[in-house]
Structure formats: structure tokens, C-alpha cells
PDB file of N, CA and C in Angstrom:
ATOM      1  N   MET A   1      94.643 119.923  55.857  1.00  0.00           N
ATOM      2  CA  MET A   1      95.839 119.502  56.534  1.00  0.00           C
ATOM      3  C   MET A   1      96.750 118.919  55.411  1.00  0.00           C
ATOM      4  N   SER A   2      98.070 119.143  55.568  1.00  0.00           N
ATOM      5  CA  SER A   2      98.987 118.613  54.567  1.00  0.00           C
ATOM      6  C   SER A   2      99.106 117.129  54.742  1.00  0.00           C
ATOM      7  N   LYS A   3      99.661 116.518  53.670  1.00  0.00           N
ATOM      8  CA  LYS A   3      99.853 115.013  53.694  1.00  0.00           C
ATOM      9  C   LYS A   3     100.768 114.659  54.883  1.00  0.00           C
ATOM     10  N   ALA A   4     101.857 115.407  55.110  1.00  0.00           N
ATOM     11  CA  ALA A   4     102.755 115.079  56.186  1.00  0.00           C
ATOM     12  C   ALA A   4     102.067 115.186  57.543  1.00  0.00           C
ATOM     13  N   GLY A   5     101.231 116.237  57.640  1.00  0.00           N
ATOM     14  CA  GLY A   5     100.523 116.439  58.960  1.00  0.00           C
ATOM     15  C   GLY A   5      99.576 115.317  59.217  1.00  0.00           C
ATOM     16  N   SER A   6      98.846 114.882  58.141  1.00  0.00           N
ATOM     17  CA  SER A   6      97.941 113.734  58.262  1.00  0.00           C
ATOM     18  C   SER A   6      98.687 112.461  58.692  1.00  0.00           C
ATOM     19  N   ARG A   7      99.875 112.299  58.114  1.00  0.00           N
ATOM     20  CA  ARG A   7     100.639 111.040  58.444  1.00  0.00           C
ATOM     21  C   ARG A   7     101.103 111.121  59.849  1.00  0.00           C
ATOM     22  N   ILE A   8     101.521 112.253  60.304  1.00  0.00           N
ATOM     23  CA  ILE A   8     101.928 112.405  61.705  1.00  0.00           C
ATOM     24  C   ILE A   8     100.837 112.130  62.678  1.00  0.00           C
ATOM     25  N   LEU A   9      99.664 112.747  62.391  1.00  0.00           N
ATOM     26  CA  LEU A   9      98.511 112.479  63.290  1.00  0.00           C
ATOM     27  C   LEU A   9      98.125 111.036  63.273  1.00  0.00           C
ATOM     28  N   GLN A  10      98.107 110.388  62.131  1.00  0.00           N
ATOM     29  CA  GLN A  10      97.773 108.949  62.039  1.00  0.00           C
ATOM     30  C   GLN A  10      98.802 108.133  62.871  1.00  0.00           C
ATOM     31  N   GLY A  11     100.048 108.487  62.732  1.00  0.00           N
ATOM     32  CA  GLY A  11     101.066 107.789  63.502  1.00  0.00           C
ATOM     33  C   GLY A  11     100.889 107.930  64.965  1.00  0.00           C
ATOM     34  N   ALA A  12     100.545 109.192  65.365  1.00  0.00           N
ATOM     35  CA  ALA A  12     100.293 109.451  66.827  1.00  0.00           C
ATOM     36  C   ALA A  12      99.072 108.664  67.354  1.00  0.00           C
ATOM     37  N   ARG A  13      98.052 108.551  66.545  1.00  0.00           N
ATOM     38  CA  ARG A  13      96.871 107.788  66.876  1.00  0.00           C
ATOM     39  C   ARG A  13      97.216 106.277  67.010  1.00  0.00           C
ATOM     40  N   GLU A  14      98.026 105.757  66.087  1.00  0.00           N
ATOM     41  CA  GLU A  14      98.374 104.376  66.139  1.00  0.00           C
ATOM     42  C   GLU A  14      99.275 104.120  67.383  1.00  0.00           C
ATOM     43  N   ALA A  15     100.160 105.037  67.633  1.00  0.00           N
ATOM     44  CA  ALA A  15     101.081 104.884  68.811  1.00  0.00           C
ATOM     45  C   ALA A  15     100.284 104.848  70.105  1.00  0.00           C
ATOM     46  N   LEU A  16      99.267 105.732  70.157  1.00  0.00           N
ATOM     47  CA  LEU A  16      98.463 105.775  71.381  1.00  0.00           C
ATOM     48  C   LEU A  16      97.661 104.506  71.542  1.00  0.00           C
ATOM     49  N   ALA A  17      97.119 104.023  70.429  1.00  0.00           N
ATOM     50  CA  ALA A  17      96.359 102.730  70.422  1.00  0.00           C
ATOM     51  C   ALA A  17      97.276 101.590  70.963  1.00  0.00           C
ATOM     52  N   TYR A  18      98.522 101.601  70.420  1.00  0.00           N
ATOM     53  CA  TYR A  18      99.457 100.555  70.778  1.00  0.00           C
ATOM     54  C   TYR A  18      99.819 100.678  72.253  1.00  0.00           C
ATOM     55  N   ALA A  19     100.072 101.896  72.738  1.00  0.00           N
ATOM     56  CA  ALA A  19     100.402 102.110  74.181  1.00  0.00           C
ATOM     57  C   ALA A  19      99.261 101.759  75.056  1.00  0.00           C
ATOM     58  N   ASN A  20      98.009 101.859  74.619  1.00  0.00           N
ATOM     59  CA  ASN A  20      96.858 101.476  75.368  1.00  0.00           C
ATOM     60  C   ASN A  20      96.451 100.028  75.254  1.00  0.00           C
ATOM     61  N   GLY A  21      97.258  99.328  74.472  1.00  0.00           N
ATOM     62  CA  GLY A  21      96.987  97.851  74.343  1.00  0.00           C
ATOM     63  C   GLY A  21      95.806  97.603  73.404  1.00  0.00           C
ATOM     64  N   GLU A  22      95.443  98.556  72.569  1.00  0.00           N
ATOM     65  CA  GLU A  22      94.332  98.400  71.653  1.00  0.00           C
ATOM     66  C   GLU A  22      94.764  97.954  70.236  1.00  0.00           C
ATOM     67  N   ALA A  23      96.018  97.764  69.978  1.00  0.00           N
ATOM     68  CA  ALA A  23      96.472  97.443  68.669  1.00  0.00           C
ATOM     69  C   ALA A  23      97.250  96.170  68.678  1.00  0.00           C
ATOM     70  N   ASP A  24      97.327  95.464  67.585  1.00  0.00           N
ATOM     71  CA  ASP A  24      98.098  94.263  67.422  1.00  0.00           C
ATOM     72  C   ASP A  24      99.602  94.549  67.557  1.00  0.00           C
ATOM     73  N   GLU A  25     100.196  94.022  68.575  1.00  0.00           N
ATOM     74  CA  GLU A  25     101.623  94.310  68.878  1.00  0.00           C
ATOM     75  C   GLU A  25     102.508  93.779  67.768  1.00  0.00           C
ATOM     76  N   MET A  26     102.133  92.744  67.035  1.00  0.00           N
ATOM     77  CA  MET A  26     103.074  92.201  66.076  1.00  0.00           C
ATOM     78  C   MET A  26     103.209  93.109  64.832  1.00  0.00           C
ATOM     79  N   GLN A  27     102.288  94.086  64.605  1.00  0.00           N
ATOM     80  CA  GLN A  27     102.427  94.924  63.459  1.00  0.00           C
ATOM     81  C   GLN A  27     103.337  96.125  63.766  1.00  0.00           C
ATOM     82  N   TYR A  28     103.766  96.363  64.956  1.00  0.00           N
ATOM     83  CA  TYR A  28     104.617  97.436  65.336  1.00  0.00           C
ATOM     84  C   TYR A  28     106.036  96.907  65.777  1.00  0.00           C
ATOM     85  N   GLU A  29     107.023  97.573  65.204  1.00  0.00           N
ATOM     86  CA  GLU A  29     108.352  97.171  65.538  1.00  0.00           C
ATOM     87  C   GLU A  29     109.181  98.421  65.899  1.00  0.00           C
ATOM     88  N   HIS A  30     108.513  99.465  66.298  1.00  0.00           N
ATOM     89  CA  HIS A  30     109.177 100.717  66.657  1.00  0.00           C
ATOM     90  C   HIS A  30     109.533 100.714  68.176  1.00  0.00           C
ATOM     91  N   HIS A  31     110.588 101.367  68.463  1.00  0.00           N
ATOM     92  CA  HIS A  31     111.092 101.463  69.830  1.00  0.00           C
ATOM     93  C   HIS A  31     110.548 102.708  70.501  1.00  0.00           C
ATOM     94  N   ILE A  32     109.848 102.522  71.600  1.00  0.00           N
ATOM     95  CA  ILE A  32     109.442 103.634  72.471  1.00  0.00           C
ATOM     96  C   ILE A  32     110.520 103.788  73.502  1.00  0.00           C
ATOM     97  N   PRO A  33     111.181 104.937  73.542  1.00  0.00           N
ATOM     98  CA  PRO A  33     112.251 105.096  74.537  1.00  0.00           C
ATOM     99  C   PRO A  33     111.785 104.981  75.945  1.00  0.00           C
ATOM    100  N   SER A  34     112.597 104.381  76.782  1.00  0.00           N
ATOM    101  CA  SER A  34     112.143 104.250  78.188  1.00  0.00           C
ATOM    102  C   SER A  34     112.355 105.584  78.932  1.00  0.00           C
ATOM    103  N   GLU A  35     113.212 106.445  78.441  1.00  0.00           N
ATOM    104  CA  GLU A  35     113.428 107.777  79.074  1.00  0.00           C
ATOM    105  C   GLU A  35     113.571 108.808  78.004  1.00  0.00           C
ATOM    106  N   VAL A  36     113.145 109.980  78.307  1.00  0.00           N
ATOM    107  CA  VAL A  36     113.295 111.114  77.357  1.00  0.00           C
ATOM    108  C   VAL A  36     113.784 112.297  78.213  1.00  0.00           C
ATOM    109  N   ASN A  37     114.838 113.018  77.751  1.00  0.00           N
ATOM    110  CA  ASN A  37     115.420 114.122  78.446  1.00  0.00           C
ATOM    111  C   ASN A  37     114.671 115.403  78.033  1.00  0.00           C
ATOM    112  N   VAL A  38     113.595 115.693  78.759  1.00  0.00           N
ATOM    113  CA  VAL A  38     112.709 116.803  78.423  1.00  0.00           C
ATOM    114  C   VAL A  38     113.514 118.176  78.523  1.00  0.00           C
ATOM    115  N   LYS A  39     114.341 118.357  79.519  1.00  0.00           N
ATOM    116  CA  LYS A  39     115.088 119.578  79.669  1.00  0.00           C
ATOM    117  C   LYS A  39     116.005 119.806  78.472  1.00  0.00           C
ATOM    118  N   ALA A  40     116.677 118.717  78.063  1.00  0.00           N
ATOM    119  CA  ALA A  40     117.601 118.869  76.864  1.00  0.00           C
ATOM    120  C   ALA A  40     116.801 119.276  75.667  1.00  0.00           C
ATOM    121  N   ILE A  41     115.645 118.702  75.423  1.00  0.00           N
ATOM    122  CA  ILE A  41     114.839 119.028  74.283  1.00  0.00           C
ATOM    123  C   ILE A  41     114.343 120.453  74.348  1.00  0.00           C
ATOM    124  N   ARG A  42     113.887 120.835  75.498  1.00  0.00           N
ATOM    125  CA  ARG A  42     113.339 122.202  75.695  1.00  0.00           C
ATOM    126  C   ARG A  42     114.442 123.223  75.489  1.00  0.00           C
ATOM    127  N   GLN A  43     115.684 122.953  76.078  1.00  0.00           N
ATOM    128  CA  GLN A  43     116.778 123.895  75.972  1.00  0.00           C
ATOM    129  C   GLN A  43     117.200 124.014  74.540  1.00  0.00           C
ATOM    130  N   ARG A  44     117.275 122.870  73.859  1.00  0.00           N
ATOM    131  CA  ARG A  44     117.765 122.908  72.449  1.00  0.00           C
ATOM    132  C   ARG A  44     116.785 123.752  71.592  1.00  0.00           C
ATOM    133  N   LEU A  45     115.448 123.733  71.960  1.00  0.00           N
ATOM    134  CA  LEU A  45     114.563 124.551  71.270  1.00  0.00           C
ATOM    135  C   LEU A  45     114.542 125.991  71.704  1.00  0.00           C
ATOM    136  N   GLY A  46     115.231 126.268  72.788  1.00  0.00           N
ATOM    137  CA  GLY A  46     115.396 127.650  73.308  1.00  0.00           C
ATOM    138  C   GLY A  46     114.125 128.151  73.946  1.00  0.00           C
ATOM    139  N   LEU A  47     113.375 127.233  74.602  1.00  0.00           N
ATOM    140  CA  LEU A  47     112.118 127.573  75.240  1.00  0.00           C
ATOM    141  C   LEU A  47     112.157 127.508  76.801  1.00  0.00           C
ATOM    142  N   SER A  48     111.475 128.419  77.446  1.00  0.00           N
ATOM    143  CA  SER A  48     111.285 128.244  78.875  1.00  0.00           C
ATOM    144  C   SER A  48     110.337 127.138  79.142  1.00  0.00           C
ATOM    145  N   GLN A  49     110.201 126.710  80.394  1.00  0.00           N
ATOM    146  CA  GLN A  49     109.296 125.613  80.738  1.00  0.00           C
ATOM    147  C   GLN A  49     107.848 126.073  80.405  1.00  0.00           C
ATOM    148  N   GLN A  50     107.585 127.335  80.662  1.00  0.00           N
ATOM    149  CA  GLN A  50     106.198 127.826  80.334  1.00  0.00           C
ATOM    150  C   GLN A  50     105.934 127.830  78.853  1.00  0.00           C
ATOM    151  N   ALA A  51     106.887 128.311  78.063  1.00  0.00           N
ATOM    152  CA  ALA A  51     106.664 128.300  76.613  1.00  0.00           C
ATOM    153  C   ALA A  51     106.600 126.923  75.992  1.00  0.00           C
ATOM    154  N   PHE A  52     107.462 126.037  76.507  1.00  0.00           N
ATOM    155  CA  PHE A  52     107.464 124.633  76.001  1.00  0.00           C
ATOM    156  C   PHE A  52     106.130 123.958  76.313  1.00  0.00           C
ATOM    157  N   ALA A  53     105.648 124.174  77.545  1.00  0.00           N
ATOM    158  CA  ALA A  53     104.371 123.579  77.981  1.00  0.00           C
ATOM    159  C   ALA A  53     103.199 124.127  77.159  1.00  0.00           C
ATOM    160  N   SER A  54     103.185 125.398  76.955  1.00  0.00           N
ATOM    161  CA  SER A  54     102.136 126.023  76.225  1.00  0.00           C
ATOM    162  C   SER A  54     102.155 125.601  74.676  1.00  0.00           C
ATOM    163  N   ARG A  55     103.328 125.535  74.157  1.00  0.00           N
ATOM    164  CA  ARG A  55     103.414 125.169  72.704  1.00  0.00           C
ATOM    165  C   ARG A  55     103.003 123.740  72.419  1.00  0.00           C
ATOM    166  N   TYR A  56     103.266 122.844  73.330  1.00  0.00           N
ATOM    167  CA  TYR A  56     103.055 121.447  73.016  1.00  0.00           C
ATOM    168  C   TYR A  56     101.923 120.827  73.864  1.00  0.00           C
ATOM    169  N   GLY A  57     101.212 121.602  74.661  1.00  0.00           N
ATOM    170  CA  GLY A  57     100.000 121.122  75.388  1.00  0.00           C
ATOM    171  C   GLY A  57     100.279 120.391  76.665  1.00  0.00           C
ATOM    172  N   PHE A  58     101.353 120.657  77.290  1.00  0.00           N
ATOM    173  CA  PHE A  58     101.628 120.102  78.608  1.00  0.00           C
ATOM    174  C   PHE A  58     101.413 121.181  79.639  1.00  0.00           C
ATOM    175  N   SER A  59     101.155 120.710  80.927  1.00  0.00           N
ATOM    176  CA  SER A  59     101.100 121.726  81.992  1.00  0.00           C
ATOM    177  C   SER A  59     102.563 122.040  82.423  1.00  0.00           C
ATOM    178  N   VAL A  60     102.794 123.273  82.939  1.00  0.00           N
ATOM    179  CA  VAL A  60     104.072 123.636  83.373  1.00  0.00           C
ATOM    180  C   VAL A  60     104.558 122.706  84.499  1.00  0.00           C
ATOM    181  N   GLY A  61     103.590 122.347  85.406  1.00  0.00           N
ATOM    182  CA  GLY A  61     103.945 121.491  86.540  1.00  0.00           C
ATOM    183  C   GLY A  61     104.473 120.125  86.076  1.00  0.00           C
ATOM    184  N   ARG A  62     103.804 119.650  84.967  1.00  0.00           N
ATOM    185  CA  ARG A  62     104.227 118.311  84.464  1.00  0.00           C
ATOM    186  C   ARG A  62     105.585 118.403  83.865  1.00  0.00           C
ATOM    187  N   VAL A  63     105.856 119.447  83.119  1.00  0.00           N
ATOM    188  CA  VAL A  63     107.194 119.672  82.533  1.00  0.00           C
ATOM    189  C   VAL A  63     108.279 119.739  83.634  1.00  0.00           C
ATOM    190  N   ARG A  64     107.929 120.529  84.652  1.00  0.00           N
ATOM    191  CA  ARG A  64     108.894 120.686  85.838  1.00  0.00           C
ATOM    192  C   ARG A  64     109.132 119.309  86.467  1.00  0.00           C
ATOM    193  N   ASP A  65     108.002 118.572  86.692  1.00  0.00           N
ATOM    194  CA  ASP A  65     108.127 117.281  87.397  1.00  0.00           C
ATOM    195  C   ASP A  65     109.045 116.316  86.527  1.00  0.00           C
ATOM    196  N   TRP A  66     108.806 116.316  85.220  1.00  0.00           N
ATOM    197  CA  TRP A  66     109.586 115.427  84.374  1.00  0.00           C
ATOM    198  C   TRP A  66     111.072 115.827  84.449  1.00  0.00           C
ATOM    199  N   GLU A  67     111.326 117.086  84.404  1.00  0.00           N
ATOM    200  CA  GLU A  67     112.721 117.557  84.383  1.00  0.00           C
ATOM    201  C   GLU A  67     113.465 117.304  85.705  1.00  0.00           C
ATOM    202  N   GLN A  68     112.719 117.268  86.763  1.00  0.00           N
ATOM    203  CA  GLN A  68     113.272 117.042  88.122  1.00  0.00           C
ATOM    204  C   GLN A  68     113.089 115.584  88.527  1.00  0.00           C
ATOM    205  N   SER A  69     112.641 114.727  87.647  1.00  0.00           N
ATOM    206  CA  SER A  69     112.423 113.261  87.838  1.00  0.00           C
ATOM    207  C   SER A  69     111.511 113.006  89.086  1.00  0.00           C
ATOM    208  N   ARG A  70     110.515 113.874  89.240  1.00  0.00           N
ATOM    209  CA  ARG A  70     109.545 113.686  90.292  1.00  0.00           C
ATOM    210  C   ARG A  70     108.290 112.958  89.801  1.00  0.00           C
ATOM    211  N   SER A  71     108.197 112.697  88.479  1.00  0.00           N
ATOM    212  CA  SER A  71     107.035 112.128  87.883  1.00  0.00           C
ATOM    213  C   SER A  71     107.499 111.144  86.809  1.00  0.00           C
ATOM    214  N   ASN A  72     106.840 109.935  86.771  1.00  0.00           N
ATOM    215  CA  ASN A  72     107.145 109.002  85.692  1.00  0.00           C
ATOM    216  C   ASN A  72     106.388 109.478  84.426  1.00  0.00           C
ATOM    217  N   MET A  73     106.941 109.209  83.271  1.00  0.00           N
ATOM    218  CA  MET A  73     106.388 109.639  82.048  1.00  0.00           C
ATOM    219  C   MET A  73     105.718 108.439  81.355  1.00  0.00           C
ATOM    220  N   ASP A  74     104.440 108.579  80.988  1.00  0.00           N
ATOM    221  CA  ASP A  74     103.749 107.493  80.269  1.00  0.00           C
ATOM    222  C   ASP A  74     104.221 107.340  78.836  1.00  0.00           C
ATOM    223  N   ALA A  75     103.916 106.205  78.237  1.00  0.00           N
ATOM    224  CA  ALA A  75     104.407 105.909  76.847  1.00  0.00           C
ATOM    225  C   ALA A  75     103.894 106.901  75.849  1.00  0.00           C
ATOM    226  N   PRO A  76     102.664 107.379  75.854  1.00  0.00           N
ATOM    227  CA  PRO A  76     102.256 108.378  74.864  1.00  0.00           C
ATOM    228  C   PRO A  76     103.024 109.688  74.960  1.00  0.00           C
ATOM    229  N   SER A  77     103.329 110.120  76.163  1.00  0.00           N
ATOM    230  CA  SER A  77     104.118 111.347  76.410  1.00  0.00           C
ATOM    231  C   SER A  77     105.534 111.160  75.869  1.00  0.00           C
ATOM    232  N   ARG A  78     106.137 109.981  76.086  1.00  0.00           N
ATOM    233  CA  ARG A  78     107.438 109.688  75.576  1.00  0.00           C
ATOM    234  C   ARG A  78     107.487 109.697  74.093  1.00  0.00           C
ATOM    235  N   ILE A  79     106.421 109.199  73.488  1.00  0.00           N
ATOM    236  CA  ILE A  79     106.346 109.168  72.035  1.00  0.00           C
ATOM    237  C   ILE A  79     106.249 110.565  71.488  1.00  0.00           C
ATOM    238  N   LEU A  80     105.337 111.383  72.045  1.00  0.00           N
ATOM    239  CA  LEU A  80     105.171 112.770  71.625  1.00  0.00           C
ATOM    240  C   LEU A  80     106.474 113.542  71.805  1.00  0.00           C
ATOM    241  N   LEU A  81     107.113 113.391  72.925  1.00  0.00           N
ATOM    242  CA  LEU A  81     108.373 114.101  73.211  1.00  0.00           C
ATOM    243  C   LEU A  81     109.436 113.668  72.269  1.00  0.00           C
ATOM    244  N   THR A  82     109.450 112.383  71.847  1.00  0.00           N
ATOM    245  CA  THR A  82     110.465 111.935  70.882  1.00  0.00           C
ATOM    246  C   THR A  82     110.208 112.564  69.522  1.00  0.00           C
ATOM    247  N   VAL A  83     108.989 112.751  69.130  1.00  0.00           N
ATOM    248  CA  VAL A  83     108.665 113.387  67.886  1.00  0.00           C
ATOM    249  C   VAL A  83     108.979 114.851  67.957  1.00  0.00           C
ATOM    250  N   ILE A  84     108.678 115.448  69.095  1.00  0.00           N
ATOM    251  CA  ILE A  84     109.063 116.886  69.299  1.00  0.00           C
ATOM    252  C   ILE A  84     110.616 117.034  69.192  1.00  0.00           C
ATOM    253  N   ASP A  85     111.318 116.083  69.782  1.00  0.00           N
ATOM    254  CA  ASP A  85     112.800 116.172  69.716  1.00  0.00           C
ATOM    255  C   ASP A  85     113.311 116.060  68.287  1.00  0.00           C
ATOM    256  N   LYS A  86     112.670 115.156  67.435  1.00  0.00           N
ATOM    257  CA  LYS A  86     113.163 114.954  66.089  1.00  0.00           C
ATOM    258  C   LYS A  86     112.553 115.865  65.042  1.00  0.00           C
ATOM    259  N   GLU A  87     111.292 116.191  65.237  1.00  0.00           N
ATOM    260  CA  GLU A  87     110.573 116.971  64.224  1.00  0.00           C
ATOM    261  C   GLU A  87     109.627 118.000  64.874  1.00  0.00           C
ATOM    262  N   PRO A  88     110.203 118.975  65.601  1.00  0.00           N
ATOM    263  CA  PRO A  88     109.360 119.918  66.304  1.00  0.00           C
ATOM    264  C   PRO A  88     108.411 120.698  65.408  1.00  0.00           C
ATOM    265  N   GLU A  89     108.902 121.073  64.248  1.00  0.00           N
ATOM    266  CA  GLU A  89     108.042 121.848  63.279  1.00  0.00           C
ATOM    267  C   GLU A  89     106.844 121.071  62.873  1.00  0.00           C
ATOM    268  N   ALA A  90     107.032 119.758  62.647  1.00  0.00           N
ATOM    269  CA  ALA A  90     105.972 118.918  62.176  1.00  0.00           C
ATOM    270  C   ALA A  90     104.800 118.870  63.274  1.00  0.00           C
ATOM    271  N   VAL A  91     105.264 118.784  64.494  1.00  0.00           N
ATOM    272  CA  VAL A  91     104.259 118.763  65.588  1.00  0.00           C
ATOM    273  C   VAL A  91     103.571 120.077  65.671  1.00  0.00           C
ATOM    274  N   GLU A  92     104.306 121.200  65.564  1.00  0.00           N
ATOM    275  CA  GLU A  92     103.648 122.535  65.592  1.00  0.00           C
ATOM    276  C   GLU A  92     102.658 122.684  64.447  1.00  0.00           C
ATOM    277  N   ARG A  93     103.005 122.268  63.271  1.00  0.00           N
ATOM    278  CA  ARG A  93     102.082 122.343  62.137  1.00  0.00           C
ATOM    279  C   ARG A  93     100.861 121.486  62.399  1.00  0.00           C
ATOM    280  N   ALA A  94     101.029 120.295  62.875  1.00  0.00           N
ATOM    281  CA  ALA A  94      99.885 119.425  63.144  1.00  0.00           C
ATOM    282  C   ALA A  94      98.948 120.054  64.193  1.00  0.00           C
ATOM    283  N   LEU A  95      99.513 120.609  65.249  1.00  0.00           N
ATOM    284  CA  LEU A  95      98.694 121.171  66.268  1.00  0.00           C
ATOM    285  C   LEU A  95      97.980 122.458  65.842  1.00  0.00           C
ATOM    286  N   LYS A  96      98.627 123.246  64.959  1.00  0.00           N
ATOM    287  CA  LYS A  96      98.031 124.449  64.470  1.00  0.00           C
ATOM    288  C   LYS A  96      96.775 124.161  63.639  1.00  0.00           C
ATOM    289  N   SER A  97      96.883 123.109  62.841  1.00  0.00           N
ATOM    290  CA  SER A  97      95.804 122.794  61.924  1.00  0.00           C
ATOM    291  C   SER A  97      94.717 121.828  62.533  1.00  0.00           C
ATOM    292  N   ALA A  98      94.954 121.397  63.768  1.00  0.00           N
ATOM    293  CA  ALA A  98      94.016 120.448  64.406  1.00  0.00           C
ATOM    294  C   ALA A  98      92.783 121.206  64.904  1.00  0.00           C
TER     295      ALA A  98
END
């Protein structure tokens, strides 16, 4: 795995630990967005709901529910979607090599 991929995976692990209350809150100063516009991210990437779900490991139903505001999004999902929004290629590389 590349150095960037390793750093992304480590960051995701740390974010998940933080979200689950398993990490020291004082060492983290990053903002986890309270809302993420999944539809805007997906459309910007030019993907159908099915393709987006498949590429990033979500169920189609979950993507649909998020887009239609029928389901609340947990913190780890908001973190991953934020990374997908900012660095989709990095997430794809990390998932390919995992």
C-alpha cells in the first residue's frame, strides 16, 4: 500500500475510534460535519446510486435513504463521505488495496 493510502486508512481508523468514544477527545480538533449532501457528491462524481453504493461499500437503500432524508447518518459515514467528497481517488485506491 502506498504511504498516502496507509495514512488515509490510519486516519479513518482514528476517526472511527473517536466516533465510538474510544479515543482521547483532546487530541482531535477536526470537525465532523453534521450533514453531508450525498446526492451532490454522487452527482458531481457522475455516478448512479447503484454505482456510488457499489464503489464505496454502501447499500443502495442506504444511499437512497440518505438522499431522501429518511435515515440519519452516523458520524463514521459522514467522515467517509466527506473524504469521498474531497479525495475520491484516495478512497478508491485505499479500498482497492485493502
